N, C-alpha and C. Protein backbone atom coordinates (compact mmCIF):
# COMPACT_ATOMS: atom_id res chain seq x y z
N MET A 1 0.84 -1.19 0.00
CA MET A 1 0.00 0.00 0.00
C MET A 1 0.88 1.24 0.00
N LYS A 2 0.32 2.31 -0.58
CA LYS A 2 1.00 3.59 -0.59
C LYS A 2 0.08 4.63 0.03
N LEU A 3 0.61 5.35 1.01
CA LEU A 3 -0.14 6.43 1.62
C LEU A 3 0.44 7.75 1.15
N TYR A 4 -0.39 8.52 0.46
CA TYR A 4 0.00 9.85 0.02
C TYR A 4 -0.31 10.82 1.15
N PHE A 5 0.71 11.59 1.55
CA PHE A 5 0.56 12.43 2.73
C PHE A 5 1.20 13.79 2.51
N ALA A 6 0.88 14.71 3.39
CA ALA A 6 1.55 16.00 3.47
C ALA A 6 1.65 16.35 4.95
N PRO A 7 2.72 17.01 5.34
CA PRO A 7 2.88 17.37 6.76
C PRO A 7 1.73 18.26 7.24
N SER A 8 1.40 18.11 8.50
CA SER A 8 0.40 18.95 9.18
C SER A 8 -0.99 18.84 8.58
N THR A 9 -1.32 17.67 8.05
CA THR A 9 -2.65 17.44 7.48
C THR A 9 -3.28 16.22 8.14
N CYS A 10 -4.53 15.95 7.76
CA CYS A 10 -5.23 14.81 8.36
C CYS A 10 -4.71 13.47 7.84
N SER A 11 -3.74 13.48 6.92
CA SER A 11 -3.13 12.21 6.51
C SER A 11 -2.35 11.57 7.66
N LEU A 12 -2.15 12.33 8.73
CA LEU A 12 -1.51 11.74 9.91
C LEU A 12 -2.34 10.59 10.48
N ALA A 13 -3.67 10.70 10.40
CA ALA A 13 -4.53 9.66 10.99
C ALA A 13 -4.30 8.28 10.37
N PRO A 14 -4.39 8.13 9.04
CA PRO A 14 -4.12 6.78 8.50
C PRO A 14 -2.67 6.34 8.72
N ALA A 15 -1.74 7.29 8.79
CA ALA A 15 -0.36 6.89 9.07
C ALA A 15 -0.26 6.26 10.45
N ILE A 16 -0.93 6.85 11.42
CA ILE A 16 -0.94 6.28 12.77
C ILE A 16 -1.56 4.89 12.76
N ILE A 17 -2.67 4.74 12.06
CA ILE A 17 -3.35 3.43 12.00
C ILE A 17 -2.45 2.38 11.36
N LEU A 18 -1.76 2.75 10.29
CA LEU A 18 -0.85 1.80 9.64
C LEU A 18 0.19 1.29 10.63
N HIS A 19 0.68 2.16 11.48
CA HIS A 19 1.69 1.75 12.47
C HIS A 19 1.05 1.00 13.64
N GLU A 20 -0.13 1.41 14.05
CA GLU A 20 -0.84 0.67 15.11
C GLU A 20 -1.03 -0.79 14.69
N LEU A 21 -1.31 -1.00 13.41
CA LEU A 21 -1.61 -2.35 12.91
C LEU A 21 -0.38 -3.08 12.39
N GLY A 22 0.74 -2.38 12.27
CA GLY A 22 1.94 -3.02 11.74
C GLY A 22 1.81 -3.41 10.28
N LEU A 23 1.06 -2.64 9.50
CA LEU A 23 0.85 -2.97 8.09
C LEU A 23 1.98 -2.39 7.24
N PRO A 24 2.54 -3.21 6.34
CA PRO A 24 3.59 -2.70 5.46
C PRO A 24 3.02 -1.64 4.51
N HIS A 25 3.77 -0.56 4.32
CA HIS A 25 3.29 0.52 3.47
C HIS A 25 4.45 1.40 3.03
N GLU A 26 4.17 2.18 2.01
CA GLU A 26 5.12 3.17 1.53
C GLU A 26 4.49 4.54 1.71
N MET A 27 5.27 5.50 2.21
CA MET A 27 4.79 6.86 2.40
C MET A 27 5.28 7.71 1.23
N ILE A 28 4.36 8.39 0.56
CA ILE A 28 4.73 9.26 -0.56
C ILE A 28 4.25 10.67 -0.27
N ARG A 29 5.20 11.57 -0.15
CA ARG A 29 4.88 12.95 0.20
C ARG A 29 4.31 13.70 -1.00
N VAL A 30 3.33 14.55 -0.71
CA VAL A 30 2.69 15.37 -1.74
C VAL A 30 2.94 16.83 -1.41
N ASP A 31 3.31 17.60 -2.41
CA ASP A 31 3.45 19.05 -2.25
C ASP A 31 2.07 19.66 -2.48
N ASN A 32 1.49 20.21 -1.43
CA ASN A 32 0.12 20.73 -1.54
C ASN A 32 0.03 21.92 -2.49
N ALA A 33 1.10 22.65 -2.66
CA ALA A 33 1.07 23.82 -3.54
C ALA A 33 1.14 23.43 -5.01
N THR A 34 2.03 22.51 -5.34
CA THR A 34 2.23 22.14 -6.76
C THR A 34 1.40 20.92 -7.18
N LYS A 35 0.90 20.19 -6.21
CA LYS A 35 0.16 18.94 -6.46
C LYS A 35 1.04 17.90 -7.17
N ARG A 36 2.32 17.91 -6.82
CA ARG A 36 3.26 16.91 -7.33
C ARG A 36 3.69 16.00 -6.18
N THR A 37 3.89 14.73 -6.49
CA THR A 37 4.38 13.80 -5.48
C THR A 37 5.90 13.87 -5.41
N ALA A 38 6.45 13.35 -4.33
CA ALA A 38 7.91 13.36 -4.17
C ALA A 38 8.61 12.59 -5.27
N ASP A 39 7.91 11.62 -5.88
CA ASP A 39 8.51 10.86 -6.98
C ASP A 39 8.15 11.45 -8.34
N GLY A 40 7.65 12.69 -8.36
CA GLY A 40 7.48 13.43 -9.61
C GLY A 40 6.17 13.28 -10.34
N ARG A 41 5.21 12.59 -9.75
CA ARG A 41 3.93 12.39 -10.46
C ARG A 41 2.93 13.52 -10.16
N ASP A 42 1.93 13.58 -11.00
CA ASP A 42 0.83 14.54 -10.82
C ASP A 42 -0.15 13.94 -9.83
N PHE A 43 -0.25 14.53 -8.65
CA PHE A 43 -1.13 13.96 -7.63
C PHE A 43 -2.58 14.01 -8.05
N LEU A 44 -2.96 14.97 -8.87
CA LEU A 44 -4.35 15.07 -9.34
C LEU A 44 -4.74 13.87 -10.20
N ALA A 45 -3.76 13.22 -10.80
CA ALA A 45 -4.05 11.99 -11.56
C ALA A 45 -4.32 10.82 -10.62
N ILE A 46 -3.83 10.92 -9.38
CA ILE A 46 -4.05 9.88 -8.39
C ILE A 46 -5.33 10.16 -7.61
N ASN A 47 -5.49 11.40 -7.17
CA ASN A 47 -6.70 11.82 -6.47
C ASN A 47 -7.15 13.16 -7.05
N PRO A 48 -8.14 13.15 -7.94
CA PRO A 48 -8.62 14.38 -8.57
C PRO A 48 -9.14 15.43 -7.58
N LYS A 49 -9.43 15.00 -6.35
CA LYS A 49 -9.86 15.97 -5.33
C LYS A 49 -8.72 16.89 -4.94
N GLY A 50 -7.50 16.42 -5.11
CA GLY A 50 -6.34 17.27 -4.89
C GLY A 50 -5.81 17.36 -3.47
N TYR A 51 -6.38 16.59 -2.55
CA TYR A 51 -5.88 16.67 -1.18
C TYR A 51 -5.61 15.29 -0.62
N VAL A 52 -4.76 15.29 0.41
CA VAL A 52 -4.44 14.05 1.10
C VAL A 52 -5.41 13.91 2.27
N ALA A 53 -5.60 12.71 2.74
CA ALA A 53 -4.87 11.49 2.45
C ALA A 53 -5.50 10.75 1.26
N ALA A 54 -4.64 9.97 0.62
CA ALA A 54 -5.09 9.02 -0.38
C ALA A 54 -4.32 7.73 -0.15
N LEU A 55 -5.01 6.62 -0.22
CA LEU A 55 -4.39 5.32 0.00
C LEU A 55 -4.50 4.52 -1.29
N GLU A 56 -3.35 4.19 -1.87
CA GLU A 56 -3.33 3.37 -3.08
C GLU A 56 -3.07 1.92 -2.69
N LEU A 57 -4.00 1.06 -3.09
CA LEU A 57 -3.89 -0.36 -2.76
C LEU A 57 -2.98 -1.05 -3.76
N ASP A 58 -2.60 -2.28 -3.44
CA ASP A 58 -1.68 -3.01 -4.30
C ASP A 58 -2.26 -3.29 -5.68
N ASN A 59 -3.60 -3.30 -5.78
CA ASN A 59 -4.24 -3.54 -7.09
C ASN A 59 -4.42 -2.25 -7.89
N GLY A 60 -3.92 -1.12 -7.35
CA GLY A 60 -4.01 0.15 -8.06
C GLY A 60 -5.21 1.00 -7.70
N SER A 61 -6.18 0.42 -6.98
CA SER A 61 -7.34 1.20 -6.55
C SER A 61 -6.90 2.25 -5.53
N VAL A 62 -7.59 3.38 -5.52
CA VAL A 62 -7.27 4.47 -4.60
C VAL A 62 -8.48 4.80 -3.75
N LEU A 63 -8.26 4.85 -2.45
CA LEU A 63 -9.28 5.29 -1.50
C LEU A 63 -8.94 6.68 -1.02
N THR A 64 -9.96 7.54 -0.88
CA THR A 64 -9.76 8.86 -0.33
C THR A 64 -10.74 9.07 0.82
N GLU A 65 -10.58 10.17 1.52
CA GLU A 65 -11.37 10.57 2.69
C GLU A 65 -10.92 9.80 3.93
N GLY A 66 -10.38 10.54 4.88
CA GLY A 66 -9.81 9.97 6.08
C GLY A 66 -10.68 8.97 6.81
N PRO A 67 -11.97 9.31 7.09
CA PRO A 67 -12.80 8.35 7.82
C PRO A 67 -12.98 7.01 7.11
N VAL A 68 -13.00 7.04 5.78
CA VAL A 68 -13.13 5.80 5.01
C VAL A 68 -11.82 5.01 5.06
N ILE A 69 -10.72 5.71 4.87
CA ILE A 69 -9.41 5.05 4.87
C ILE A 69 -9.14 4.37 6.21
N VAL A 70 -9.38 5.06 7.31
CA VAL A 70 -9.05 4.46 8.61
C VAL A 70 -9.93 3.25 8.91
N GLN A 71 -11.18 3.27 8.46
CA GLN A 71 -12.03 2.09 8.67
C GLN A 71 -11.57 0.93 7.80
N TYR A 72 -11.19 1.22 6.56
CA TYR A 72 -10.68 0.18 5.68
C TYR A 72 -9.46 -0.50 6.31
N LEU A 73 -8.53 0.32 6.81
CA LEU A 73 -7.33 -0.23 7.41
C LEU A 73 -7.65 -1.06 8.65
N ALA A 74 -8.54 -0.56 9.50
CA ALA A 74 -8.91 -1.29 10.70
C ALA A 74 -9.51 -2.65 10.36
N ASP A 75 -10.27 -2.71 9.29
CA ASP A 75 -10.91 -3.97 8.90
C ASP A 75 -9.92 -4.99 8.34
N LEU A 76 -8.72 -4.53 7.96
CA LEU A 76 -7.70 -5.48 7.51
C LEU A 76 -7.15 -6.31 8.67
N ARG A 77 -7.24 -5.77 9.88
CA ARG A 77 -6.77 -6.47 11.07
C ARG A 77 -7.83 -6.36 12.17
N PRO A 78 -8.96 -7.03 11.98
CA PRO A 78 -10.05 -6.89 12.95
C PRO A 78 -9.66 -7.32 14.36
N ASP A 79 -8.69 -8.22 14.47
CA ASP A 79 -8.26 -8.68 15.79
C ASP A 79 -7.63 -7.57 16.63
N ALA A 80 -7.18 -6.49 16.00
CA ALA A 80 -6.56 -5.38 16.72
C ALA A 80 -7.61 -4.53 17.45
N GLY A 81 -8.86 -4.65 17.04
CA GLY A 81 -9.94 -3.98 17.75
C GLY A 81 -10.04 -2.47 17.55
N LEU A 82 -9.47 -1.95 16.47
CA LEU A 82 -9.54 -0.50 16.24
C LEU A 82 -10.88 -0.06 15.65
N ALA A 83 -11.68 -1.02 15.22
CA ALA A 83 -13.05 -0.73 14.75
C ALA A 83 -13.92 -1.95 15.03
N PRO A 84 -15.14 -1.73 15.53
CA PRO A 84 -16.05 -2.86 15.74
C PRO A 84 -16.45 -3.49 14.40
N PRO A 85 -17.03 -4.67 14.44
CA PRO A 85 -17.42 -5.34 13.19
C PRO A 85 -18.42 -4.54 12.38
N THR A 86 -18.25 -4.58 11.07
CA THR A 86 -19.20 -3.92 10.17
C THR A 86 -20.60 -4.45 10.41
N GLY A 87 -21.57 -3.57 10.44
CA GLY A 87 -22.96 -3.96 10.64
C GLY A 87 -23.41 -3.98 12.08
N SER A 88 -22.46 -3.84 13.00
CA SER A 88 -22.84 -3.87 14.42
C SER A 88 -23.28 -2.47 14.87
N TRP A 89 -24.02 -2.43 15.97
CA TRP A 89 -24.44 -1.16 16.56
C TRP A 89 -23.21 -0.33 16.96
N GLU A 90 -22.18 -1.02 17.47
CA GLU A 90 -20.97 -0.34 17.89
C GLU A 90 -20.25 0.31 16.70
N ARG A 91 -20.34 -0.35 15.53
CA ARG A 91 -19.72 0.25 14.33
C ARG A 91 -20.46 1.53 13.94
N LEU A 92 -21.76 1.53 14.09
CA LEU A 92 -22.53 2.74 13.79
C LEU A 92 -22.13 3.87 14.73
N ARG A 93 -21.90 3.55 15.99
CA ARG A 93 -21.45 4.58 16.94
C ARG A 93 -20.08 5.12 16.56
N LEU A 94 -19.19 4.25 16.10
CA LEU A 94 -17.89 4.68 15.62
C LEU A 94 -18.05 5.63 14.43
N GLN A 95 -18.90 5.26 13.48
CA GLN A 95 -19.11 6.09 12.31
C GLN A 95 -19.76 7.43 12.67
N GLU A 96 -20.60 7.39 13.70
CA GLU A 96 -21.20 8.62 14.20
C GLU A 96 -20.11 9.60 14.67
N TRP A 97 -19.14 9.09 15.42
CA TRP A 97 -18.03 9.92 15.87
C TRP A 97 -17.18 10.41 14.70
N LEU A 98 -16.88 9.52 13.77
CA LEU A 98 -16.06 9.92 12.62
C LEU A 98 -16.73 11.03 11.83
N ASN A 99 -18.04 10.92 11.65
CA ASN A 99 -18.76 11.96 10.92
C ASN A 99 -18.79 13.27 11.70
N PHE A 100 -18.97 13.19 13.01
CA PHE A 100 -18.98 14.39 13.84
C PHE A 100 -17.62 15.10 13.77
N ILE A 101 -16.55 14.33 13.90
CA ILE A 101 -15.21 14.92 13.85
C ILE A 101 -14.97 15.57 12.49
N SER A 102 -15.38 14.88 11.43
CA SER A 102 -15.16 15.38 10.08
C SER A 102 -15.96 16.64 9.79
N SER A 103 -17.26 16.60 10.11
CA SER A 103 -18.14 17.71 9.72
C SER A 103 -18.14 18.87 10.71
N GLU A 104 -17.99 18.59 11.99
CA GLU A 104 -18.11 19.64 12.99
C GLU A 104 -16.77 20.19 13.48
N LEU A 105 -15.74 19.34 13.57
CA LEU A 105 -14.46 19.80 14.08
C LEU A 105 -13.47 20.08 12.95
N HIS A 106 -13.26 19.10 12.08
CA HIS A 106 -12.33 19.30 10.96
C HIS A 106 -12.82 20.44 10.08
N ALA A 107 -14.04 20.32 9.60
CA ALA A 107 -14.59 21.39 8.76
C ALA A 107 -14.78 22.69 9.54
N GLY A 108 -14.97 22.55 10.85
CA GLY A 108 -15.18 23.73 11.68
C GLY A 108 -13.95 24.60 11.82
N VAL A 109 -12.78 23.98 11.92
CA VAL A 109 -11.56 24.78 12.07
C VAL A 109 -10.91 25.13 10.73
N THR A 110 -11.27 24.44 9.67
CA THR A 110 -10.64 24.68 8.37
C THR A 110 -10.68 26.16 7.94
N PRO A 111 -11.79 26.88 8.13
CA PRO A 111 -11.79 28.30 7.73
C PRO A 111 -10.73 29.13 8.45
N LEU A 112 -10.31 28.70 9.63
CA LEU A 112 -9.34 29.46 10.39
C LEU A 112 -7.95 29.45 9.76
N PHE A 113 -7.72 28.55 8.82
CA PHE A 113 -6.45 28.55 8.09
C PHE A 113 -6.35 29.78 7.17
N ASN A 114 -7.48 30.38 6.84
CA ASN A 114 -7.52 31.56 5.97
C ASN A 114 -7.16 32.80 6.79
N LYS A 115 -5.95 33.29 6.61
CA LYS A 115 -5.47 34.41 7.43
C LYS A 115 -6.13 35.74 7.08
N THR A 116 -6.89 35.77 5.99
CA THR A 116 -7.55 37.03 5.61
C THR A 116 -8.94 37.17 6.21
N LEU A 117 -9.38 36.18 6.97
CA LEU A 117 -10.71 36.27 7.59
C LEU A 117 -10.76 37.44 8.57
N PRO A 118 -11.82 38.23 8.52
CA PRO A 118 -11.98 39.29 9.52
C PRO A 118 -12.08 38.70 10.93
N ALA A 119 -11.68 39.47 11.91
CA ALA A 119 -11.65 39.00 13.30
C ALA A 119 -13.00 38.50 13.76
N ALA A 120 -14.07 39.17 13.37
CA ALA A 120 -15.41 38.76 13.81
C ALA A 120 -15.79 37.39 13.23
N VAL A 121 -15.37 37.13 12.01
CA VAL A 121 -15.67 35.84 11.37
C VAL A 121 -14.85 34.74 12.04
N ARG A 122 -13.59 35.04 12.33
CA ARG A 122 -12.75 34.07 13.03
C ARG A 122 -13.35 33.72 14.39
N ALA A 123 -13.82 34.74 15.09
CA ALA A 123 -14.42 34.53 16.41
C ALA A 123 -15.67 33.66 16.29
N HIS A 124 -16.44 33.84 15.23
CA HIS A 124 -17.65 33.04 15.01
C HIS A 124 -17.29 31.57 14.85
N PHE A 125 -16.29 31.27 14.00
CA PHE A 125 -15.91 29.87 13.77
C PHE A 125 -15.31 29.25 15.03
N ARG A 126 -14.51 30.02 15.75
CA ARG A 126 -13.95 29.51 17.01
C ARG A 126 -15.05 29.16 18.00
N ALA A 127 -16.02 30.04 18.12
CA ALA A 127 -17.12 29.81 19.07
C ALA A 127 -17.90 28.56 18.71
N ARG A 128 -18.13 28.33 17.42
CA ARG A 128 -18.85 27.12 16.99
C ARG A 128 -18.08 25.86 17.36
N VAL A 129 -16.78 25.89 17.11
CA VAL A 129 -15.94 24.72 17.43
C VAL A 129 -15.92 24.49 18.95
N GLU A 130 -15.83 25.56 19.71
CA GLU A 130 -15.78 25.42 21.17
C GLU A 130 -17.07 24.79 21.71
N VAL A 131 -18.21 25.14 21.12
CA VAL A 131 -19.47 24.52 21.52
C VAL A 131 -19.44 23.02 21.19
N ARG A 132 -18.95 22.67 20.01
CA ARG A 132 -18.89 21.26 19.61
C ARG A 132 -17.95 20.47 20.52
N MET A 133 -16.92 21.13 21.00
CA MET A 133 -15.96 20.44 21.87
C MET A 133 -16.57 20.05 23.21
N THR A 134 -17.63 20.71 23.61
CA THR A 134 -18.28 20.31 24.86
C THR A 134 -18.87 18.90 24.75
N VAL A 135 -19.24 18.52 23.54
CA VAL A 135 -19.75 17.16 23.30
C VAL A 135 -18.63 16.14 23.53
N VAL A 136 -17.45 16.46 23.02
CA VAL A 136 -16.31 15.57 23.18
C VAL A 136 -15.90 15.50 24.65
N GLU A 137 -15.86 16.65 25.31
CA GLU A 137 -15.51 16.69 26.73
C GLU A 137 -16.45 15.83 27.55
N SER A 138 -17.73 15.94 27.28
CA SER A 138 -18.73 15.16 28.02
C SER A 138 -18.49 13.66 27.85
N ALA A 139 -18.20 13.24 26.61
CA ALA A 139 -17.95 11.82 26.35
C ALA A 139 -16.70 11.33 27.09
N LEU A 140 -15.64 12.13 27.06
CA LEU A 140 -14.38 11.69 27.66
C LEU A 140 -14.36 11.85 29.18
N GLN A 141 -15.34 12.54 29.73
CA GLN A 141 -15.51 12.54 31.19
C GLN A 141 -16.12 11.22 31.65
N ARG A 142 -16.89 10.58 30.76
CA ARG A 142 -17.59 9.34 31.12
C ARG A 142 -16.79 8.08 30.81
N GLN A 143 -15.90 8.18 29.82
CA GLN A 143 -15.22 6.97 29.35
C GLN A 143 -13.80 7.29 28.89
N GLN A 144 -12.99 6.25 28.79
CA GLN A 144 -11.57 6.44 28.50
C GLN A 144 -11.31 6.89 27.07
N HIS A 145 -12.14 6.41 26.14
CA HIS A 145 -11.97 6.76 24.72
C HIS A 145 -13.33 7.15 24.15
N LEU A 146 -13.32 7.63 22.91
CA LEU A 146 -14.57 8.14 22.34
C LEU A 146 -15.68 7.12 22.31
N THR A 147 -15.34 5.88 21.98
CA THR A 147 -16.38 4.85 21.85
C THR A 147 -16.51 3.98 23.08
N GLY A 148 -15.79 4.32 24.14
CA GLY A 148 -15.88 3.53 25.37
C GLY A 148 -14.51 3.23 25.93
N ALA A 149 -14.30 1.98 26.32
CA ALA A 149 -13.04 1.60 26.95
C ALA A 149 -11.93 1.30 25.95
N THR A 150 -12.29 1.14 24.67
CA THR A 150 -11.33 0.68 23.67
C THR A 150 -10.87 1.81 22.75
N PHE A 151 -9.56 1.93 22.57
CA PHE A 151 -8.97 2.87 21.62
C PHE A 151 -9.40 2.48 20.21
N SER A 152 -9.81 3.47 19.42
CA SER A 152 -10.33 3.17 18.08
C SER A 152 -9.82 4.19 17.06
N VAL A 153 -10.19 3.96 15.81
CA VAL A 153 -9.82 4.89 14.74
C VAL A 153 -10.44 6.27 14.96
N ALA A 154 -11.55 6.34 15.68
CA ALA A 154 -12.15 7.64 15.98
C ALA A 154 -11.22 8.46 16.87
N ASP A 155 -10.57 7.82 17.82
CA ASP A 155 -9.60 8.51 18.67
C ASP A 155 -8.45 9.06 17.84
N VAL A 156 -7.99 8.27 16.90
CA VAL A 156 -6.88 8.70 16.05
C VAL A 156 -7.28 9.91 15.21
N PHE A 157 -8.48 9.87 14.66
CA PHE A 157 -8.94 10.98 13.82
C PHE A 157 -9.12 12.25 14.65
N LEU A 158 -9.69 12.11 15.84
CA LEU A 158 -9.85 13.27 16.71
C LEU A 158 -8.48 13.83 17.10
N TYR A 159 -7.57 12.98 17.49
CA TYR A 159 -6.22 13.43 17.86
C TYR A 159 -5.60 14.26 16.73
N THR A 160 -5.74 13.78 15.52
CA THR A 160 -5.16 14.46 14.36
C THR A 160 -5.74 15.86 14.19
N VAL A 161 -7.05 15.98 14.29
CA VAL A 161 -7.70 17.29 14.12
C VAL A 161 -7.34 18.24 15.27
N LEU A 162 -7.26 17.72 16.47
CA LEU A 162 -6.97 18.58 17.62
C LEU A 162 -5.54 19.13 17.59
N GLN A 163 -4.67 18.53 16.79
CA GLN A 163 -3.31 19.07 16.63
C GLN A 163 -3.35 20.52 16.16
N TRP A 164 -4.33 20.84 15.35
CA TRP A 164 -4.40 22.17 14.75
C TRP A 164 -4.87 23.24 15.73
N PHE A 165 -5.48 22.85 16.82
CA PHE A 165 -6.04 23.84 17.75
C PHE A 165 -4.98 24.80 18.28
N ALA A 166 -3.77 24.30 18.49
CA ALA A 166 -2.71 25.17 19.02
C ALA A 166 -2.39 26.29 18.05
N TRP A 167 -2.49 26.03 16.75
CA TRP A 167 -2.20 27.06 15.75
C TRP A 167 -3.19 28.22 15.83
N PHE A 168 -4.39 27.93 16.31
CA PHE A 168 -5.43 28.96 16.37
C PHE A 168 -5.67 29.45 17.80
N ASP A 169 -4.71 29.14 18.69
CA ASP A 169 -4.81 29.56 20.09
C ASP A 169 -6.11 29.11 20.74
N ILE A 170 -6.47 27.86 20.47
CA ILE A 170 -7.61 27.24 21.14
C ILE A 170 -7.03 26.23 22.12
N PRO A 171 -6.90 26.58 23.38
CA PRO A 171 -6.22 25.70 24.34
C PRO A 171 -7.08 24.51 24.75
N LEU A 172 -6.49 23.33 24.67
CA LEU A 172 -7.20 22.13 25.10
C LEU A 172 -7.47 22.13 26.60
N ALA A 173 -6.75 22.96 27.33
CA ALA A 173 -6.96 23.05 28.78
C ALA A 173 -8.38 23.49 29.12
N ALA A 174 -9.08 24.07 28.15
CA ALA A 174 -10.48 24.45 28.38
C ALA A 174 -11.36 23.22 28.58
N TRP A 175 -10.86 22.05 28.17
CA TRP A 175 -11.61 20.80 28.30
C TRP A 175 -10.68 19.78 28.97
N PRO A 176 -10.67 19.72 30.28
CA PRO A 176 -9.68 18.90 31.01
C PRO A 176 -9.67 17.42 30.63
N ALA A 177 -10.85 16.84 30.43
CA ALA A 177 -10.88 15.41 30.06
C ALA A 177 -10.28 15.20 28.67
N VAL A 178 -10.54 16.13 27.77
CA VAL A 178 -9.96 16.05 26.42
C VAL A 178 -8.45 16.20 26.51
N GLU A 179 -7.99 17.16 27.29
CA GLU A 179 -6.55 17.38 27.39
C GLU A 179 -5.84 16.15 27.96
N ALA A 180 -6.41 15.54 28.98
CA ALA A 180 -5.80 14.33 29.56
C ALA A 180 -5.79 13.19 28.54
N TRP A 181 -6.90 13.02 27.83
CA TRP A 181 -6.98 11.99 26.79
C TRP A 181 -5.94 12.24 25.70
N TYR A 182 -5.82 13.49 25.27
CA TYR A 182 -4.89 13.87 24.21
C TYR A 182 -3.45 13.49 24.59
N LYS A 183 -3.09 13.76 25.82
CA LYS A 183 -1.74 13.43 26.28
C LYS A 183 -1.50 11.93 26.29
N ARG A 184 -2.53 11.15 26.61
CA ARG A 184 -2.39 9.68 26.59
C ARG A 184 -2.18 9.17 25.16
N VAL A 185 -2.91 9.74 24.23
CA VAL A 185 -2.78 9.31 22.84
C VAL A 185 -1.42 9.71 22.28
N ALA A 186 -0.96 10.90 22.61
CA ALA A 186 0.28 11.44 22.05
C ALA A 186 1.50 10.58 22.33
N VAL A 187 1.49 9.81 23.42
CA VAL A 187 2.67 9.01 23.78
C VAL A 187 2.61 7.58 23.23
N ARG A 188 1.56 7.24 22.51
CA ARG A 188 1.50 5.90 21.91
C ARG A 188 2.63 5.76 20.90
N PRO A 189 3.32 4.62 20.88
CA PRO A 189 4.45 4.45 19.95
C PRO A 189 4.08 4.70 18.49
N ALA A 190 2.93 4.23 18.05
CA ALA A 190 2.53 4.43 16.65
C ALA A 190 2.35 5.91 16.32
N VAL A 191 1.87 6.66 17.29
CA VAL A 191 1.69 8.10 17.09
C VAL A 191 3.05 8.77 16.94
N GLN A 192 4.00 8.38 17.79
CA GLN A 192 5.33 8.96 17.73
C GLN A 192 6.01 8.68 16.40
N VAL A 193 5.91 7.44 15.92
CA VAL A 193 6.54 7.07 14.65
C VAL A 193 5.88 7.82 13.49
N ALA A 194 4.58 7.91 13.50
CA ALA A 194 3.87 8.62 12.42
C ALA A 194 4.25 10.10 12.40
N HIS A 195 4.41 10.69 13.56
CA HIS A 195 4.86 12.10 13.61
C HIS A 195 6.24 12.25 12.96
N LEU A 196 7.13 11.33 13.24
CA LEU A 196 8.46 11.40 12.66
C LEU A 196 8.39 11.31 11.13
N GLN A 197 7.56 10.40 10.62
CA GLN A 197 7.41 10.25 9.18
C GLN A 197 6.82 11.51 8.53
N HIS A 198 5.91 12.15 9.24
CA HIS A 198 5.25 13.33 8.67
C HIS A 198 6.11 14.59 8.76
N GLY A 199 7.22 14.48 9.48
CA GLY A 199 8.09 15.66 9.59
C GLY A 199 7.53 16.65 10.56
């Protein structure tokens, strides 16, 4: 498998999962500005959407969208327990979290990357994200991980998105259970290795 990635993006999530599962893979860096891969190819020919992550399988098929990629990878090693079985109620709960993280947190902070946003607009987006974070705080006050006692791909995806909060001066200390959880995830060996690969 080949994982197309760029530093400081959500491609960190599938990279962490690949290491959690010990799956053999090749990392191929993408220049987000030029849309060229490190080996000289046109990334738009691989993923016409133009953004990472993209996972190229050994048969040449390409998967995109982080929540889909991490579930695909988890299902390759179901014994690792990073995702409940497909079709189960627990899997639906996992997908519920993945969708929430993608639509409410990832998409919620993305506008803040635009440095030309007026201060009032930035404050609006920050306030929306902060409200959504109360949902996460409530869950992590009750249980060790997003879906309960077991570490899952939802935790990895949330960890990846929360990395960006520091850039926008959104302190995790505002949510003590989240901050404690974040620190536990950050020291996992797979997380450390994936960070090194991402630069």
